[in-house]
Amino acid sequence: MIACHCRVSSARQETDSQKPEVRRWLQGNGIDPSAVEWFEDKETGRTLKRPAFDRLRKAVFAGTIKTVVATSPISPFFL
């Protein structure tokens, strides 16, 4: 299974701006966006204790998730 992780820094922000970018990448790589599992956090990136990120990590370590797609405005290694 493929997972998509979106994160914003506060509850006032929305992950909606990241989702279209991720969907375009998925479709461009022949992946149906409805076939992936989405994980969304509205927490600071300064901590790894984020609910969706914790669920994502557990799924990766359990072998349920094989690929993670994420965006980052500061990293060239992400979308």
C-alpha atoms as a PDB file:
ATOM      1  CA  MET A   1       0.000   0.000   0.000  1.00  0.00           C
ATOM      2  CA  ILE A   2       1.062   3.582  -0.656  1.00  0.00           C
ATOM      3  CA  ALA A   3       0.606   6.326   1.940  1.00  0.00           C
ATOM      4  CA  CYS A   4       0.480  10.083   1.431  1.00  0.00           C
ATOM      5  CA  HIS A   5       1.457  12.294   4.350  1.00  0.00           C
ATOM      6  CA  CYS A   6       0.430  15.946   4.541  1.00  0.00           C
ATOM      7  CA  ARG A   7       1.358  18.239   7.414  1.00  0.00           C
ATOM      8  CA  VAL A   8       0.813  21.852   8.330  1.00  0.00           C
ATOM      9  CA  SER A   9       2.121  23.671  11.387  1.00  0.00           C
ATOM     10  CA  SER A  10      -1.131  24.618  13.092  1.00  0.00           C
ATOM     11  CA  ALA A  11      -4.817  23.767  13.300  1.00  0.00           C
ATOM     12  CA  ARG A  12      -5.620  27.063  11.541  1.00  0.00           C
ATOM     13  CA  GLN A  13      -3.843  25.918   8.385  1.00  0.00           C
ATOM     14  CA  GLU A  14      -5.178  23.445   5.835  1.00  0.00           C
ATOM     15  CA  THR A  15      -3.436  20.594   4.033  1.00  0.00           C
ATOM     16  CA  ASP A  16      -5.634  21.269   0.991  1.00  0.00           C
ATOM     17  CA  SER A  17      -2.817  23.063  -0.850  1.00  0.00           C
ATOM     18  CA  GLN A  18      -0.613  19.956  -0.634  1.00  0.00           C
ATOM     19  CA  LYS A  19      -3.179  17.416  -1.788  1.00  0.00           C
ATOM     20  CA  PRO A  20      -3.471  18.560  -5.443  1.00  0.00           C
ATOM     21  CA  GLU A  21       0.315  18.434  -5.780  1.00  0.00           C
ATOM     22  CA  VAL A  22       0.417  14.908  -4.366  1.00  0.00           C
ATOM     23  CA  ARG A  23      -2.519  13.803  -6.565  1.00  0.00           C
ATOM     24  CA  ARG A  24      -0.743  15.142  -9.683  1.00  0.00           C
ATOM     25  CA  TRP A  25       2.390  13.216  -8.752  1.00  0.00           C
ATOM     26  CA  LEU A  26       0.399  10.034  -8.128  1.00  0.00           C
ATOM     27  CA  GLN A  27      -1.474  10.298 -11.434  1.00  0.00           C
ATOM     28  CA  GLY A  28       1.753  11.138 -13.281  1.00  0.00           C
ATOM     29  CA  ASN A  29       3.202   7.910 -11.945  1.00  0.00           C
ATOM     30  CA  GLY A  30       0.172   5.801 -12.841  1.00  0.00           C
ATOM     31  CA  ILE A  31      -1.189   5.564  -9.296  1.00  0.00           C
ATOM     32  CA  ASP A  32      -4.895   6.012  -8.570  1.00  0.00           C
ATOM     33  CA  PRO A  33      -5.140   8.647  -5.775  1.00  0.00           C
ATOM     34  CA  SER A  34      -8.188   6.890  -4.342  1.00  0.00           C
ATOM     35  CA  ALA A  35      -6.109   3.727  -3.832  1.00  0.00           C
ATOM     36  CA  VAL A  36      -3.710   5.312  -1.320  1.00  0.00           C
ATOM     37  CA  GLU A  37      -4.089   5.936   2.392  1.00  0.00           C
ATOM     38  CA  TRP A  38      -3.913   9.589   3.449  1.00  0.00           C
ATOM     39  CA  PHE A  39      -2.347  10.723   6.730  1.00  0.00           C
ATOM     40  CA  GLU A  40      -2.812  14.365   7.748  1.00  0.00           C
ATOM     41  CA  ASP A  41      -1.327  16.231  10.691  1.00  0.00           C
ATOM     42  CA  LYS A  42      -1.945  19.775  11.872  1.00  0.00           C
ATOM     43  CA  GLU A  43       0.965  19.876  14.278  1.00  0.00           C
ATOM     44  CA  THR A  44       4.378  21.463  14.411  1.00  0.00           C
ATOM     45  CA  GLY A  45       7.184  19.596  12.682  1.00  0.00           C
ATOM     46  CA  ARG A  46       9.378  20.170  15.722  1.00  0.00           C
ATOM     47  CA  THR A  47       8.041  17.013  17.315  1.00  0.00           C
ATOM     48  CA  LEU A  48       7.608  13.487  16.046  1.00  0.00           C
ATOM     49  CA  LYS A  49       4.640  13.025  18.387  1.00  0.00           C
ATOM     50  CA  ARG A  50       1.925  13.679  15.838  1.00  0.00           C
ATOM     51  CA  PRO A  51      -1.183  11.429  15.656  1.00  0.00           C
ATOM     52  CA  ALA A  52      -1.228  10.725  11.914  1.00  0.00           C
ATOM     53  CA  PHE A  53       2.561  10.464  11.733  1.00  0.00           C
ATOM     54  CA  ASP A  54       2.489   7.923  14.576  1.00  0.00           C
ATOM     55  CA  ARG A  55      -0.119   5.828  12.723  1.00  0.00           C
ATOM     56  CA  LEU A  56       1.946   6.106   9.529  1.00  0.00           C
ATOM     57  CA  ARG A  57       5.142   4.982  11.276  1.00  0.00           C
ATOM     58  CA  LYS A  58       3.361   2.004  12.825  1.00  0.00           C
ATOM     59  CA  ALA A  59       1.944   0.992   9.432  1.00  0.00           C
ATOM     60  CA  VAL A  60       5.399   1.257   7.815  1.00  0.00           C
ATOM     61  CA  PHE A  61       7.046  -0.826  10.544  1.00  0.00           C
ATOM     62  CA  ALA A  62       4.212  -3.369  10.360  1.00  0.00           C
ATOM     63  CA  GLY A  63       4.812  -3.710   6.613  1.00  0.00           C
ATOM     64  CA  THR A  64       1.348  -2.456   5.644  1.00  0.00           C
ATOM     65  CA  ILE A  65       2.737   0.675   3.967  1.00  0.00           C
ATOM     66  CA  LYS A  66       5.535   0.141   1.451  1.00  0.00           C
ATOM     67  CA  THR A  67       5.818   3.666  -0.022  1.00  0.00           C
ATOM     68  CA  VAL A  68       5.308   7.121   1.510  1.00  0.00           C
ATOM     69  CA  VAL A  69       4.656  10.212  -0.612  1.00  0.00           C
ATOM     70  CA  ALA A  70       5.039  13.626   1.048  1.00  0.00           C
ATOM     71  CA  THR A  71       5.586  17.262   0.154  1.00  0.00           C
ATOM     72  CA  SER A  72       8.089  19.694   1.600  1.00  0.00           C
ATOM     73  CA  PRO A  73       8.561  23.360   0.693  1.00  0.00           C
ATOM     74  CA  ILE A  74      12.198  23.254   1.835  1.00  0.00           C
ATOM     75  CA  SER A  75      13.479  19.880   0.652  1.00  0.00           C
ATOM     76  CA  PRO A  76      14.372  19.034  -2.962  1.00  0.00           C
ATOM     77  CA  PHE A  77      13.962  15.352  -2.089  1.00  0.00           C
ATOM     78  CA  PHE A  78      10.208  15.634  -1.699  1.00  0.00           C
ATOM     79  CA  LEU A  79       7.514  16.647  -4.190  1.00  0.00           C
END
